[in-house]
């Protein structure tokens, strides 16, 4: 009969994860990162500004370019979800998020002071609020995913 695993604190979770065989630990951490990243991706897609379709009517909307990649680091003891606009459709996402200089043609900036008031398009943040506004939901999904992985490991 399978033993039920319960997690009361983050310290318990770390202890249990360290006891897992490396291949199960990596799988659990990557699944958890994917679950937390999915929360951010959904929020960012909702918050991404809609551009003027007349500029490029065939272009994919910025919101549809927001994707996720999960990477492992430190000999597979850390997993990270990297969420954001992906190339080529979302290559301009950082310009929308942080603002940019007004460019008239072929990289020539408008005016002598490229970062001053009228010569700068202000940013419309969507990634930062997506991360900051979903922290508790990210935590909940990560813990839920790790719990599910630990249950599977203990029953297998």
Protein backbone atom coordinates (compact mmCIF):
# COMPACT_ATOMS: atom_id res chain seq x y z
CA UNK A 1 0.00 0.00 0.00
CA UNK A 2 1.24 3.50 -0.89
CA UNK A 3 2.32 5.87 1.84
CA UNK A 4 0.69 9.32 1.76
CA UNK A 5 3.16 12.21 1.66
CA UNK A 6 2.09 15.49 3.24
CA UNK A 7 4.03 18.73 3.13
CA UNK A 8 3.61 21.15 6.02
CA UNK A 9 6.44 23.57 5.37
CA UNK A 10 8.91 24.48 2.67
CA UNK A 11 11.70 22.94 4.77
CA UNK A 12 9.83 19.60 4.68
CA UNK A 13 9.61 19.89 0.91
CA UNK A 14 13.34 20.52 0.53
CA UNK A 15 14.17 17.58 2.78
CA UNK A 16 11.86 15.23 0.89
CA UNK A 17 13.17 16.39 -2.50
CA UNK A 18 16.78 15.78 -1.43
CA UNK A 19 15.87 12.18 -0.58
CA UNK A 20 14.44 11.50 -4.03
CA UNK A 21 16.58 9.86 -6.70
CA UNK A 22 18.05 12.55 -8.97
CA UNK A 23 15.93 11.68 -12.03
CA UNK A 24 12.69 11.98 -10.01
CA UNK A 25 13.88 15.19 -8.36
CA UNK A 26 14.72 16.80 -11.72
CA UNK A 27 11.34 15.78 -13.13
CA UNK A 28 9.51 17.14 -10.07
CA UNK A 29 11.40 20.45 -10.10
CA UNK A 30 10.89 20.97 -13.82
CA UNK A 31 7.16 20.20 -13.52
CA UNK A 32 6.86 22.65 -10.62
CA UNK A 33 8.70 25.38 -12.55
CA UNK A 34 6.42 24.74 -15.53
CA UNK A 35 3.31 25.04 -13.29
CA UNK A 36 4.47 28.36 -11.79
CA UNK A 37 5.55 29.68 -15.18
CA UNK A 38 2.17 28.85 -16.70
CA UNK A 39 0.53 31.19 -14.18
CA UNK A 40 2.80 34.05 -15.28
CA UNK A 41 2.33 33.25 -18.98
CA UNK A 42 -1.48 33.36 -18.68
CA UNK A 43 -1.36 36.68 -16.80
CA UNK A 44 1.13 38.22 -19.27
CA UNK A 45 -1.01 37.19 -22.23
CA UNK A 46 -3.99 38.98 -20.67
CA UNK A 47 -1.97 42.10 -19.83
CA UNK A 48 -0.03 42.42 -23.10
CA UNK A 49 -1.04 45.59 -24.95
CA UNK A 50 -2.76 45.25 -28.30
CA UNK A 51 -0.95 47.14 -31.03
CA UNK A 52 -2.35 48.93 -34.03
CA UNK A 53 -3.17 46.18 -36.55
CA UNK A 54 -2.87 48.67 -39.43
CA UNK A 55 0.94 48.80 -38.90
CA UNK A 56 1.31 45.16 -39.87
CA UNK A 57 -2.01 43.38 -40.37
CA UNK A 58 -0.35 39.97 -40.85
CA UNK A 59 1.66 40.19 -37.62
CA UNK A 60 0.98 37.85 -34.73
CA UNK A 61 -0.32 39.75 -31.67
CA UNK A 62 2.24 40.22 -28.89
CA UNK A 63 0.05 38.26 -26.48
CA UNK A 64 0.25 35.17 -28.70
CA UNK A 65 4.06 35.35 -28.77
CA UNK A 66 4.41 34.94 -25.00
CA UNK A 67 5.86 31.53 -24.33
CA UNK A 68 7.84 29.63 -21.74
CA UNK A 69 11.05 27.63 -21.58
CA UNK A 70 12.05 25.57 -18.53
CA UNK A 71 15.77 25.26 -17.80
CA UNK A 72 17.68 23.32 -15.13
CA UNK A 73 20.81 24.64 -13.41
CA UNK A 74 23.33 23.71 -10.71
CA UNK A 75 23.59 20.03 -11.58
CA UNK A 76 19.81 19.80 -11.93
CA UNK A 77 19.05 21.04 -8.40
CA UNK A 78 17.35 24.22 -9.63
CA UNK A 79 14.66 24.57 -12.29
CA UNK A 80 13.56 27.92 -13.70
CA UNK A 81 10.69 28.89 -15.99
CA UNK A 82 11.67 31.68 -18.38
CA UNK A 83 8.51 33.44 -19.58
CA UNK A 84 8.25 36.20 -22.15
CA UNK A 85 7.68 37.20 -25.75
CA UNK A 86 9.44 34.86 -28.14
CA UNK A 87 11.08 35.59 -31.46
CA UNK A 88 10.30 36.42 -34.14
CA UNK A 89 6.76 37.66 -33.41
CA UNK A 90 7.60 38.99 -29.94
CA UNK A 91 11.06 40.37 -30.68
CA UNK A 92 9.81 43.88 -29.87
CA UNK A 93 8.35 42.89 -26.46
CA UNK A 94 11.17 44.48 -24.48
CA UNK A 95 10.54 47.78 -26.30
CA UNK A 96 6.88 47.70 -25.33
CA UNK A 97 7.67 46.78 -21.71
CA UNK A 98 10.41 49.34 -21.10
CA UNK A 99 9.73 52.04 -23.68
CA UNK A 100 12.04 53.16 -26.46
CA UNK A 101 13.41 56.11 -28.39
CA UNK A 102 11.35 57.47 -31.26
CA UNK A 103 13.05 56.35 -34.46
CA UNK A 104 12.15 58.02 -37.76
CA UNK A 105 14.03 55.82 -40.23
CA UNK A 106 16.91 53.38 -40.44
CA UNK A 107 17.90 53.76 -36.80
CA UNK A 108 18.09 57.57 -36.90
CA UNK A 109 16.74 59.01 -33.67
CA UNK A 110 14.38 61.95 -33.65
CA UNK A 111 15.97 64.99 -31.98
CA UNK A 112 19.32 65.47 -30.31
CA UNK A 113 18.42 64.04 -26.90
CA UNK A 114 17.31 60.45 -27.51
CA UNK A 115 15.97 59.78 -24.00
CA UNK A 116 14.23 63.07 -23.27
CA UNK A 117 10.44 63.45 -22.89
CA UNK A 118 8.96 63.88 -26.39
CA UNK A 119 11.60 61.70 -28.05
CA UNK A 120 10.77 58.63 -25.98
CA UNK A 121 7.80 56.30 -26.24
CA UNK A 122 6.83 55.33 -22.67
CA UNK A 123 6.72 51.66 -21.71
CA UNK A 124 3.54 49.69 -21.18
CA UNK A 125 4.57 47.11 -18.62
CA UNK A 126 2.89 43.73 -18.90
CA UNK A 127 5.54 41.21 -17.82
CA UNK A 128 6.44 42.81 -14.48
CA UNK A 129 2.79 43.07 -13.36
CA UNK A 130 2.19 39.50 -14.55
CA UNK A 131 4.95 38.27 -12.26
CA UNK A 132 4.29 40.55 -9.29
CA UNK A 133 0.52 40.18 -9.39
CA UNK A 134 0.53 36.38 -9.34
CA UNK A 135 3.13 35.49 -6.70
CA UNK A 136 0.73 33.68 -4.37
CA UNK A 137 -0.86 31.80 -7.28
CA UNK A 138 2.60 30.81 -8.54
CA UNK A 139 3.52 29.49 -5.08
CA UNK A 140 0.27 27.54 -4.84
CA UNK A 141 0.76 25.93 -8.26
CA UNK A 142 4.40 25.08 -7.54
CA UNK A 143 3.51 23.43 -4.22
CA UNK A 144 0.57 21.60 -5.80
CA UNK A 145 2.81 20.29 -8.58
CA UNK A 146 5.55 19.19 -6.17
CA UNK A 147 2.95 17.48 -3.98
CA UNK A 148 1.62 15.59 -6.99
CA UNK A 149 5.14 14.55 -8.00
CA UNK A 150 5.94 13.37 -4.48
CA UNK A 151 2.71 11.36 -4.31
CA UNK A 152 3.61 9.66 -7.60
CA UNK A 153 7.13 8.94 -6.37
CA UNK A 154 5.91 7.43 -3.10
CA UNK A 155 3.32 5.23 -4.80
CA UNK A 156 5.68 4.00 -7.50
